[in-house]
């Protein structure tokens, strides 16, 4: 069966129409202050394009109350009319085979992982020999069929659009910040 957890760990949840539920809160029945998802323990899951939520909330005033609701893709919250314990039991059975949320705060990068191989990033002042054969233009820059840098010949491989994430391999060279060449 699924383990109850902080409701904030289940959020955000995105509906198929693109609508996203990032936060959830309810008023305390005793003091009427807002109780956020961090103070709620339970289960929330997207099933049949509806978010089913069953939780127990703890307010700062010491009050504890249950929450059993369904959130539709237009972000309307509907109260569940069956008893809370029946709804919680049904929801735990319904999500028993679904993956549990991962706590983003516990994610760590392994320090001993090798970094991805990277190629050569040419500075603007680099001494480069260009071929006389021009393949075309990309964002105002001439694309030479090949270039020579430090005695090695590189053939044109692809262009990288400006503003995007540029990934170059171990045997590649980035020229003028947007043209990628590969060792011949």
C-alpha atoms as a PDB file:
ATOM      1  CA  UNK A   1       0.000   0.000   0.000  1.00  0.00           C
ATOM      2  CA  UNK A   2       1.043   3.579  -0.529  1.00  0.00           C
ATOM      3  CA  UNK A   3       2.655   5.360   2.382  1.00  0.00           C
ATOM      4  CA  UNK A   4       1.095   8.591   3.612  1.00  0.00           C
ATOM      5  CA  UNK A   5       3.481  11.517   3.386  1.00  0.00           C
ATOM      6  CA  UNK A   6       3.437  15.318   3.493  1.00  0.00           C
ATOM      7  CA  UNK A   7       1.010  16.547   0.849  1.00  0.00           C
ATOM      8  CA  UNK A   8       3.615  19.082  -0.313  1.00  0.00           C
ATOM      9  CA  UNK A   9       5.778  16.148  -1.483  1.00  0.00           C
ATOM     10  CA  UNK A  10       3.053  15.089  -3.929  1.00  0.00           C
ATOM     11  CA  UNK A  11       2.834  18.587  -5.443  1.00  0.00           C
ATOM     12  CA  UNK A  12       3.038  20.012  -8.085  1.00  0.00           C
ATOM     13  CA  UNK A  13       0.644  17.858 -10.105  1.00  0.00           C
ATOM     14  CA  UNK A  14      -0.085  18.653 -13.767  1.00  0.00           C
ATOM     15  CA  UNK A  15      -3.380  17.789 -15.464  1.00  0.00           C
ATOM     16  CA  UNK A  16      -3.498  16.607 -19.085  1.00  0.00           C
ATOM     17  CA  UNK A  17      -4.813  20.042 -20.171  1.00  0.00           C
ATOM     18  CA  UNK A  18      -1.651  21.706 -18.790  1.00  0.00           C
ATOM     19  CA  UNK A  19      -3.221  23.137 -15.619  1.00  0.00           C
ATOM     20  CA  UNK A  20      -0.995  22.637 -12.595  1.00  0.00           C
ATOM     21  CA  UNK A  21      -1.746  22.498  -8.873  1.00  0.00           C
ATOM     22  CA  UNK A  22       1.340  23.767  -7.049  1.00  0.00           C
ATOM     23  CA  UNK A  23      -0.088  24.581  -3.611  1.00  0.00           C
ATOM     24  CA  UNK A  24      -2.933  23.369  -1.457  1.00  0.00           C
ATOM     25  CA  UNK A  25      -4.330  24.814   1.788  1.00  0.00           C
ATOM     26  CA  UNK A  26      -7.488  24.655   3.903  1.00  0.00           C
ATOM     27  CA  UNK A  27      -8.890  26.785   6.706  1.00  0.00           C
ATOM     28  CA  UNK A  28      -8.666  25.398  10.233  1.00  0.00           C
ATOM     29  CA  UNK A  29     -12.188  24.775  11.601  1.00  0.00           C
ATOM     30  CA  UNK A  30     -11.147  26.065  15.059  1.00  0.00           C
ATOM     31  CA  UNK A  31      -9.102  29.248  14.454  1.00  0.00           C
ATOM     32  CA  UNK A  32      -9.843  29.801  10.719  1.00  0.00           C
ATOM     33  CA  UNK A  33      -6.161  30.262   9.836  1.00  0.00           C
ATOM     34  CA  UNK A  34      -4.795  28.703   6.631  1.00  0.00           C
ATOM     35  CA  UNK A  35      -3.102  25.320   6.982  1.00  0.00           C
ATOM     36  CA  UNK A  36      -0.733  24.586   4.095  1.00  0.00           C
ATOM     37  CA  UNK A  37       0.266  21.321   2.448  1.00  0.00           C
ATOM     38  CA  UNK A  38       3.418  21.136   4.631  1.00  0.00           C
ATOM     39  CA  UNK A  39       1.207  20.616   7.687  1.00  0.00           C
ATOM     40  CA  UNK A  40      -0.912  17.882   6.037  1.00  0.00           C
ATOM     41  CA  UNK A  41      -0.088  14.181   6.179  1.00  0.00           C
ATOM     42  CA  UNK A  42      -1.775  11.856   3.682  1.00  0.00           C
ATOM     43  CA  UNK A  43      -1.983  10.875   0.026  1.00  0.00           C
ATOM     44  CA  UNK A  44      -2.614  12.911  -3.128  1.00  0.00           C
ATOM     45  CA  UNK A  45      -2.674  11.360  -6.570  1.00  0.00           C
ATOM     46  CA  UNK A  46      -3.799  12.103 -10.121  1.00  0.00           C
ATOM     47  CA  UNK A  47      -6.270   9.430 -11.240  1.00  0.00           C
ATOM     48  CA  UNK A  48      -8.619   9.768 -14.236  1.00  0.00           C
ATOM     49  CA  UNK A  49      -7.570  13.423 -14.671  1.00  0.00           C
ATOM     50  CA  UNK A  50      -8.688  14.307 -11.127  1.00  0.00           C
ATOM     51  CA  UNK A  51      -6.567  14.794  -8.023  1.00  0.00           C
ATOM     52  CA  UNK A  52      -7.801  12.681  -5.139  1.00  0.00           C
ATOM     53  CA  UNK A  53      -6.575  13.943  -1.768  1.00  0.00           C
ATOM     54  CA  UNK A  54      -7.019  12.346   1.648  1.00  0.00           C
ATOM     55  CA  UNK A  55      -5.070  13.863   4.523  1.00  0.00           C
ATOM     56  CA  UNK A  56      -4.985  14.794   8.194  1.00  0.00           C
ATOM     57  CA  UNK A  57      -3.994  18.402   8.872  1.00  0.00           C
ATOM     58  CA  UNK A  58      -2.414  19.887  12.003  1.00  0.00           C
ATOM     59  CA  UNK A  59      -2.932  23.581  12.737  1.00  0.00           C
ATOM     60  CA  UNK A  60      -0.696  25.829  14.854  1.00  0.00           C
ATOM     61  CA  UNK A  61      -3.560  26.203  17.330  1.00  0.00           C
ATOM     62  CA  UNK A  62      -3.333  22.469  18.061  1.00  0.00           C
ATOM     63  CA  UNK A  63      -6.424  21.421  16.126  1.00  0.00           C
ATOM     64  CA  UNK A  64      -6.332  18.328  13.917  1.00  0.00           C
ATOM     65  CA  UNK A  65      -8.836  17.789  11.132  1.00  0.00           C
ATOM     66  CA  UNK A  66      -9.286  15.507   8.137  1.00  0.00           C
ATOM     67  CA  UNK A  67      -9.439  16.511   4.493  1.00  0.00           C
ATOM     68  CA  UNK A  68     -11.089  14.362   1.824  1.00  0.00           C
ATOM     69  CA  UNK A  69     -11.570  16.051  -1.535  1.00  0.00           C
ATOM     70  CA  UNK A  70     -11.291  15.766  -5.307  1.00  0.00           C
ATOM     71  CA  UNK A  71      -9.719  18.550  -7.400  1.00  0.00           C
ATOM     72  CA  UNK A  72     -10.789  18.767 -11.043  1.00  0.00           C
ATOM     73  CA  UNK A  73      -8.731  20.115 -13.960  1.00  0.00           C
ATOM     74  CA  UNK A  74     -10.419  23.525 -13.641  1.00  0.00           C
ATOM     75  CA  UNK A  75      -8.967  23.715 -10.082  1.00  0.00           C
ATOM     76  CA  UNK A  76     -12.331  23.312  -8.350  1.00  0.00           C
ATOM     77  CA  UNK A  77     -12.229  21.476  -5.033  1.00  0.00           C
ATOM     78  CA  UNK A  78     -15.108  19.065  -4.373  1.00  0.00           C
ATOM     79  CA  UNK A  79     -15.787  17.581  -0.964  1.00  0.00           C
ATOM     80  CA  UNK A  80     -16.062  13.800  -0.748  1.00  0.00           C
ATOM     81  CA  UNK A  81     -19.354  12.702   0.812  1.00  0.00           C
ATOM     82  CA  UNK A  82     -18.354   9.186   1.926  1.00  0.00           C
ATOM     83  CA  UNK A  83     -16.775   8.715   5.374  1.00  0.00           C
ATOM     84  CA  UNK A  84     -13.148   9.827   5.557  1.00  0.00           C
ATOM     85  CA  UNK A  85     -11.750   6.438   6.609  1.00  0.00           C
ATOM     86  CA  UNK A  86     -13.457   4.706   3.659  1.00  0.00           C
ATOM     87  CA  UNK A  87     -12.097   7.304   1.214  1.00  0.00           C
ATOM     88  CA  UNK A  88      -8.557   7.029   2.659  1.00  0.00           C
ATOM     89  CA  UNK A  89      -8.679   3.239   2.434  1.00  0.00           C
ATOM     90  CA  UNK A  90      -9.927   3.347  -1.189  1.00  0.00           C
ATOM     91  CA  UNK A  91      -7.278   5.891  -2.192  1.00  0.00           C
ATOM     92  CA  UNK A  92      -4.456   3.867  -0.626  1.00  0.00           C
ATOM     93  CA  UNK A  93      -5.630   0.811  -2.583  1.00  0.00           C
ATOM     94  CA  UNK A  94      -6.004   2.813  -5.809  1.00  0.00           C
ATOM     95  CA  UNK A  95      -2.429   4.168  -5.687  1.00  0.00           C
ATOM     96  CA  UNK A  96      -0.705   1.125  -4.187  1.00  0.00           C
ATOM     97  CA  UNK A  97       1.198   0.323  -7.404  1.00  0.00           C
ATOM     98  CA  UNK A  98       2.034   3.898  -8.368  1.00  0.00           C
ATOM     99  CA  UNK A  99       5.524   5.294  -7.629  1.00  0.00           C
ATOM    100  CA  UNK A 100       5.959   7.217  -4.401  1.00  0.00           C
ATOM    101  CA  UNK A 101       7.074  10.859  -4.559  1.00  0.00           C
ATOM    102  CA  UNK A 102      10.781  11.563  -4.194  1.00  0.00           C
ATOM    103  CA  UNK A 103      11.871  14.208  -1.723  1.00  0.00           C
ATOM    104  CA  UNK A 104      13.733  16.817  -3.787  1.00  0.00           C
ATOM    105  CA  UNK A 105      15.555  18.010  -0.664  1.00  0.00           C
ATOM    106  CA  UNK A 106      17.257  14.623  -0.365  1.00  0.00           C
ATOM    107  CA  UNK A 107      18.677  14.674  -3.893  1.00  0.00           C
ATOM    108  CA  UNK A 108      22.444  14.885  -3.991  1.00  0.00           C
ATOM    109  CA  UNK A 109      25.001  14.735  -6.738  1.00  0.00           C
ATOM    110  CA  UNK A 110      27.606  12.066  -6.342  1.00  0.00           C
ATOM    111  CA  UNK A 111      30.996  13.721  -5.989  1.00  0.00           C
ATOM    112  CA  UNK A 112      32.923  10.901  -7.609  1.00  0.00           C
ATOM    113  CA  UNK A 113      30.892  10.786 -10.854  1.00  0.00           C
ATOM    114  CA  UNK A 114      33.036  11.593 -13.884  1.00  0.00           C
ATOM    115  CA  UNK A 115      32.014  14.705 -15.730  1.00  0.00           C
ATOM    116  CA  UNK A 116      30.735  14.481 -19.279  1.00  0.00           C
ATOM    117  CA  UNK A 117      33.457  14.791 -21.881  1.00  0.00           C
ATOM    118  CA  UNK A 118      33.732  18.250 -23.329  1.00  0.00           C
ATOM    119  CA  UNK A 119      35.340  19.503 -26.470  1.00  0.00           C
ATOM    120  CA  UNK A 120      37.213  22.670 -27.310  1.00  0.00           C
ATOM    121  CA  UNK A 121      35.634  26.092 -26.829  1.00  0.00           C
ATOM    122  CA  UNK A 122      37.503  28.441 -29.125  1.00  0.00           C
ATOM    123  CA  UNK A 123      38.113  31.976 -27.909  1.00  0.00           C
ATOM    124  CA  UNK A 124      37.350  34.805 -30.348  1.00  0.00           C
ATOM    125  CA  UNK A 125      41.069  35.570 -30.658  1.00  0.00           C
ATOM    126  CA  UNK A 126      41.995  32.004 -31.716  1.00  0.00           C
ATOM    127  CA  UNK A 127      44.188  31.560 -34.802  1.00  0.00           C
ATOM    128  CA  UNK A 128      41.952  29.547 -37.151  1.00  0.00           C
ATOM    129  CA  UNK A 129      42.400  28.688 -40.824  1.00  0.00           C
ATOM    130  CA  UNK A 130      39.097  28.460 -42.728  1.00  0.00           C
ATOM    131  CA  UNK A 131      38.405  26.519 -45.895  1.00  0.00           C
ATOM    132  CA  UNK A 132      37.502  28.478 -48.998  1.00  0.00           C
ATOM    133  CA  UNK A 133      34.459  26.235 -49.477  1.00  0.00           C
ATOM    134  CA  UNK A 134      31.411  27.824 -47.801  1.00  0.00           C
ATOM    135  CA  UNK A 135      28.436  25.589 -46.983  1.00  0.00           C
ATOM    136  CA  UNK A 136      26.067  28.428 -46.107  1.00  0.00           C
ATOM    137  CA  UNK A 137      25.208  30.883 -43.350  1.00  0.00           C
ATOM    138  CA  UNK A 138      23.814  30.475 -39.868  1.00  0.00           C
ATOM    139  CA  UNK A 139      22.654  33.501 -37.858  1.00  0.00           C
ATOM    140  CA  UNK A 140      24.938  35.771 -39.917  1.00  0.00           C
ATOM    141  CA  UNK A 141      28.051  33.584 -39.637  1.00  0.00           C
ATOM    142  CA  UNK A 142      29.633  31.899 -42.655  1.00  0.00           C
ATOM    143  CA  UNK A 143      29.783  28.115 -42.344  1.00  0.00           C
ATOM    144  CA  UNK A 144      33.115  26.877 -43.655  1.00  0.00           C
ATOM    145  CA  UNK A 145      33.324  23.234 -44.734  1.00  0.00           C
ATOM    146  CA  UNK A 146      36.339  22.767 -42.427  1.00  0.00           C
ATOM    147  CA  UNK A 147      38.615  24.752 -40.149  1.00  0.00           C
ATOM    148  CA  UNK A 148      42.129  24.102 -38.854  1.00  0.00           C
ATOM    149  CA  UNK A 149      43.106  24.878 -35.266  1.00  0.00           C
ATOM    150  CA  UNK A 150      46.480  24.014 -33.706  1.00  0.00           C
ATOM    151  CA  UNK A 151      47.387  21.767 -36.655  1.00  0.00           C
ATOM    152  CA  UNK A 152      44.193  19.685 -36.516  1.00  0.00           C
ATOM    153  CA  UNK A 153      41.441  19.756 -39.127  1.00  0.00           C
ATOM    154  CA  UNK A 154      37.804  19.889 -38.001  1.00  0.00           C
ATOM    155  CA  UNK A 155      34.852  19.231 -40.354  1.00  0.00           C
ATOM    156  CA  UNK A 156      31.545  21.069 -39.965  1.00  0.00           C
ATOM    157  CA  UNK A 157      29.115  18.950 -37.921  1.00  0.00           C
ATOM    158  CA  UNK A 158      26.115  21.101 -36.928  1.00  0.00           C
ATOM    159  CA  UNK A 159      24.931  24.522 -35.817  1.00  0.00           C
ATOM    160  CA  UNK A 160      23.787  25.343 -32.292  1.00  0.00           C
ATOM    161  CA  UNK A 161      21.094  28.028 -31.878  1.00  0.00           C
ATOM    162  CA  UNK A 162      22.088  30.932 -29.664  1.00  0.00           C
ATOM    163  CA  UNK A 163      20.505  31.071 -26.236  1.00  0.00           C
ATOM    164  CA  UNK A 164      20.091  27.290 -26.039  1.00  0.00           C
ATOM    165  CA  UNK A 165      22.057  24.693 -24.134  1.00  0.00           C
ATOM    166  CA  UNK A 166      25.077  23.779 -26.235  1.00  0.00           C
ATOM    167  CA  UNK A 167      26.557  20.339 -25.696  1.00  0.00           C
ATOM    168  CA  UNK A 168      29.741  19.409 -27.486  1.00  0.00           C
ATOM    169  CA  UNK A 169      31.422  16.039 -27.415  1.00  0.00           C
ATOM    170  CA  UNK A 170      35.000  15.115 -26.654  1.00  0.00           C
ATOM    171  CA  UNK A 171      36.181  15.336 -30.291  1.00  0.00           C
ATOM    172  CA  UNK A 172      34.236  18.491 -31.167  1.00  0.00           C
ATOM    173  CA  UNK A 173      35.021  22.180 -31.288  1.00  0.00           C
ATOM    174  CA  UNK A 174      32.689  25.183 -30.812  1.00  0.00           C
ATOM    175  CA  UNK A 175      33.532  27.967 -33.241  1.00  0.00           C
ATOM    176  CA  UNK A 176      32.093  31.509 -33.031  1.00  0.00           C
ATOM    177  CA  UNK A 177      29.801  30.370 -30.215  1.00  0.00           C
ATOM    178  CA  UNK A 178      27.357  28.610 -32.548  1.00  0.00           C
ATOM    179  CA  UNK A 179      29.108  26.371 -35.093  1.00  0.00           C
ATOM    180  CA  UNK A 180      30.232  22.908 -34.042  1.00  0.00           C
ATOM    181  CA  UNK A 181      33.022  21.117 -35.875  1.00  0.00           C
ATOM    182  CA  UNK A 182      34.283  17.534 -35.410  1.00  0.00           C
ATOM    183  CA  UNK A 183      37.841  16.219 -35.791  1.00  0.00           C
ATOM    184  CA  UNK A 184      38.352  14.894 -39.330  1.00  0.00           C
END
